[in-house]
């Protein structure tokens, strides 16, 4: 009959289809093997060519972009802290704190405001004074401003830790201990460690 398909023809089609699938799978496996080999060579290359003490100098433009990026990265956290400091003044429990705690909070708020001002100065200065220009003097000035902003920020955070521990525990010893430990920890991580890791010029 014309509508009947012979079993041999069906088997032949199955064999041809399987062989084509096998060849495609073999080609894919070969490509994956080659890709894996090249990828291993690529990730193994920096380990053999780069040394631990090897460094690369940045251009003035790259250094300026990194400085401004660092300022944009730190600034949101400082602004959030300033927002919480402002909201705390309008809290009902804030009036129950002793006078010295209120003054500490006010000092911490002013220090954080000073830090925010110093952190925002490089962007405003560059846009208004030297647009489209990069010099070594500008880069050093911006770097000093950002470094200077970290000092009042560290003091602000330490003073707030004193107020927080006094509010939570009511112990002056615990409050001042928390402030001192915060100052030591921040000073060690933000200032002592970077200065100790700075390469010395011969």
Protein backbone atom coordinates (compact mmCIF):
# COMPACT_ATOMS: atom_id res chain seq x y z
CA UNK A 1 0.00 0.00 0.00
CA UNK A 2 1.15 3.56 -0.78
CA UNK A 3 0.42 4.93 2.71
CA UNK A 4 2.49 2.26 4.45
CA UNK A 5 6.02 3.22 5.60
CA UNK A 6 8.57 0.45 5.46
CA UNK A 7 10.35 -0.37 8.75
CA UNK A 8 13.73 -0.28 7.03
CA UNK A 9 13.15 3.30 5.90
CA UNK A 10 12.17 4.31 9.45
CA UNK A 11 15.27 2.67 10.87
CA UNK A 12 17.42 4.40 8.26
CA UNK A 13 15.99 7.80 9.19
CA UNK A 14 16.56 7.11 12.89
CA UNK A 15 20.17 6.10 12.25
CA UNK A 16 20.81 9.19 10.14
CA UNK A 17 19.19 11.44 12.78
CA UNK A 18 21.22 9.85 15.58
CA UNK A 19 24.45 10.19 13.63
CA UNK A 20 23.78 13.86 12.95
CA UNK A 21 22.98 14.46 16.60
CA UNK A 22 26.16 12.65 17.60
CA UNK A 23 28.27 14.76 15.24
CA UNK A 24 26.69 17.97 16.56
CA UNK A 25 27.32 16.87 20.13
CA UNK A 26 30.93 15.99 19.30
CA UNK A 27 31.45 19.40 17.69
CA UNK A 28 29.92 21.13 20.72
CA UNK A 29 32.12 19.13 23.08
CA UNK A 30 35.17 20.06 21.03
CA UNK A 31 34.29 23.75 21.18
CA UNK A 32 33.69 23.56 24.93
CA UNK A 33 37.01 21.79 25.46
CA UNK A 34 38.83 24.45 23.44
CA UNK A 35 37.04 27.22 25.34
CA UNK A 36 37.89 25.63 28.68
CA UNK A 37 41.54 25.32 27.66
CA UNK A 38 41.78 28.94 26.58
CA UNK A 39 39.91 30.10 29.70
CA UNK A 40 42.32 28.25 31.97
CA UNK A 41 45.23 29.80 30.12
CA UNK A 42 43.64 33.24 30.51
CA UNK A 43 43.04 32.99 34.26
CA UNK A 44 46.43 31.38 34.79
CA UNK A 45 48.25 34.17 32.94
CA UNK A 46 48.05 36.91 35.61
CA UNK A 47 49.38 34.53 38.27
CA UNK A 48 52.53 33.89 36.28
CA UNK A 49 53.13 37.42 35.00
CA UNK A 50 51.97 39.65 37.89
CA UNK A 51 53.91 40.01 41.12
CA UNK A 52 52.47 40.86 44.52
CA UNK A 53 54.46 44.10 44.72
CA UNK A 54 53.82 45.12 41.13
CA UNK A 55 51.91 48.38 40.70
CA UNK A 56 50.73 50.60 37.88
CA UNK A 57 50.67 54.39 37.84
CA UNK A 58 47.37 56.13 37.18
CA UNK A 59 47.01 59.05 34.87
CA UNK A 60 45.83 62.38 36.26
CA UNK A 61 42.41 61.92 34.66
CA UNK A 62 41.99 58.42 36.11
CA UNK A 63 43.13 59.59 39.53
CA UNK A 64 40.68 62.49 39.46
CA UNK A 65 37.83 60.19 38.44
CA UNK A 66 38.71 57.80 41.28
CA UNK A 67 38.77 60.64 43.81
CA UNK A 68 35.35 61.91 42.73
CA UNK A 69 33.99 58.34 42.71
CA UNK A 70 35.23 57.80 46.27
CA UNK A 71 33.52 61.01 47.36
CA UNK A 72 30.25 59.93 45.74
CA UNK A 73 30.52 56.54 47.45
CA UNK A 74 31.04 57.90 50.98
CA UNK A 75 28.71 60.89 50.76
CA UNK A 76 25.35 59.00 50.85
CA UNK A 77 26.27 57.29 54.13
CA UNK A 78 27.23 60.62 55.68
CA UNK A 79 23.96 62.17 54.55
CA UNK A 80 21.95 59.27 56.00
CA UNK A 81 23.75 59.68 59.33
CA UNK A 82 23.02 63.40 59.27
CA UNK A 83 19.36 62.66 58.61
CA UNK A 84 19.12 60.34 61.61
CA UNK A 85 20.90 62.92 63.76
CA UNK A 86 18.35 65.55 62.74
CA UNK A 87 15.37 63.28 63.36
CA UNK A 88 16.65 62.34 66.82
CA UNK A 89 16.32 65.95 67.99
CA UNK A 90 12.55 65.84 67.44
CA UNK A 91 12.18 62.56 69.33
CA UNK A 92 10.37 62.78 72.65
CA UNK A 93 13.07 60.83 74.46
CA UNK A 94 15.75 63.29 73.35
CA UNK A 95 14.54 65.84 75.90
CA UNK A 96 15.00 63.26 78.66
CA UNK A 97 18.75 62.99 78.02
CA UNK A 98 21.15 64.90 80.27
CA UNK A 99 22.51 68.22 79.07
CA UNK A 100 25.97 66.84 78.30
CA UNK A 101 24.44 64.14 76.04
CA UNK A 102 22.44 66.75 74.15
CA UNK A 103 25.58 68.81 73.65
CA UNK A 104 27.52 65.77 72.49
CA UNK A 105 24.83 65.02 69.96
CA UNK A 106 24.91 68.63 68.74
CA UNK A 107 28.70 68.50 68.41
CA UNK A 108 28.47 65.21 66.50
CA UNK A 109 25.89 66.71 64.18
CA UNK A 110 28.07 69.75 63.48
CA UNK A 111 31.11 67.56 62.85
CA UNK A 112 29.16 65.44 60.40
CA UNK A 113 27.94 68.58 58.64
CA UNK A 114 31.57 69.76 58.36
CA UNK A 115 32.56 66.38 56.92
CA UNK A 116 29.78 66.54 54.33
CA UNK A 117 30.88 70.05 53.34
CA UNK A 118 34.50 68.96 52.88
CA UNK A 119 33.44 65.89 50.93
CA UNK A 120 31.29 67.91 48.51
CA UNK A 121 33.89 70.64 47.97
CA UNK A 122 35.97 68.84 45.28
CA UNK A 123 32.98 68.39 42.97
CA UNK A 124 31.81 71.99 43.32
CA UNK A 125 35.34 73.36 43.05
CA UNK A 126 36.10 71.38 39.90
CA UNK A 127 32.87 72.37 38.17
CA UNK A 128 33.14 76.09 38.96
CA UNK A 129 36.88 76.71 38.96
CA UNK A 130 38.57 74.22 36.59
CA UNK A 131 36.00 72.65 34.24
CA UNK A 132 37.59 70.30 31.74
CA UNK A 133 41.06 70.70 33.29
CA UNK A 134 43.15 68.27 35.32
CA UNK A 135 46.41 69.16 37.03
CA UNK A 136 48.53 67.55 39.71
CA UNK A 137 47.71 70.46 42.04
CA UNK A 138 43.97 69.87 41.66
CA UNK A 139 44.31 66.14 42.28
CA UNK A 140 46.37 66.65 45.43
CA UNK A 141 44.01 69.33 46.71
CA UNK A 142 40.96 67.12 46.23
CA UNK A 143 42.70 64.19 47.89
CA UNK A 144 43.54 66.33 50.93
CA UNK A 145 39.96 67.57 51.20
CA UNK A 146 38.53 64.05 51.19
CA UNK A 147 41.13 62.86 53.68
CA UNK A 148 40.35 65.84 55.92
CA UNK A 149 36.63 65.02 55.80
CA UNK A 150 37.25 61.63 57.39
CA UNK A 151 38.49 63.19 60.67
CA UNK A 152 35.26 65.01 61.67
CA UNK A 153 33.25 62.03 60.43
CA UNK A 154 35.19 59.69 62.74
CA UNK A 155 34.70 62.05 65.69
CA UNK A 156 30.99 62.41 64.91
CA UNK A 157 30.49 58.66 64.84
CA UNK A 158 32.40 58.17 68.10
CA UNK A 159 30.39 60.85 69.92
CA UNK A 160 27.14 59.36 68.69
CA UNK A 161 28.20 55.96 70.03
CA UNK A 162 28.63 57.59 73.45
CA UNK A 163 25.12 59.05 73.32
CA UNK A 164 23.61 55.78 72.09
CA UNK A 165 25.22 53.66 74.83
CA UNK A 166 24.17 56.16 77.49
CA UNK A 167 20.59 56.09 76.23
CA UNK A 168 20.51 52.29 76.06
CA UNK A 169 22.33 51.43 79.29
CA UNK A 170 22.41 54.58 81.42
CA UNK A 171 26.07 54.00 82.31
CA UNK A 172 28.56 56.79 81.72
CA UNK A 173 31.46 54.33 81.88
CA UNK A 174 29.99 52.13 79.16
CA UNK A 175 29.15 55.18 77.05
CA UNK A 176 32.64 56.66 77.13
CA UNK A 177 34.21 53.22 76.69
CA UNK A 178 32.14 52.67 73.55
CA UNK A 179 33.15 56.09 72.25
CA UNK A 180 36.83 55.42 72.92
CA UNK A 181 36.76 51.97 71.31
CA UNK A 182 34.97 53.38 68.28
CA UNK A 183 37.55 56.13 67.93
CA UNK A 184 40.43 53.66 68.22
CA UNK A 185 38.87 51.23 65.75
CA UNK A 186 38.04 53.89 63.17
CA UNK A 187 41.38 55.61 63.62
CA UNK A 188 43.22 52.33 63.13
CA UNK A 189 41.29 51.26 60.02
CA UNK A 190 40.89 54.67 58.37
CA UNK A 191 44.22 56.31 59.16
CA UNK A 192 46.86 54.10 60.82
CA UNK A 193 46.47 51.10 58.50
CA UNK A 194 46.55 53.09 55.20
CA UNK A 195 49.55 55.13 56.37
CA UNK A 196 51.39 52.00 57.48
CA UNK A 197 50.68 50.32 54.13
CA UNK A 198 51.82 53.35 52.12
CA UNK A 199 54.96 52.55 50.12
CA UNK A 200 58.00 54.46 51.26
CA UNK A 201 59.85 56.58 48.74
CA UNK A 202 63.59 55.96 48.55
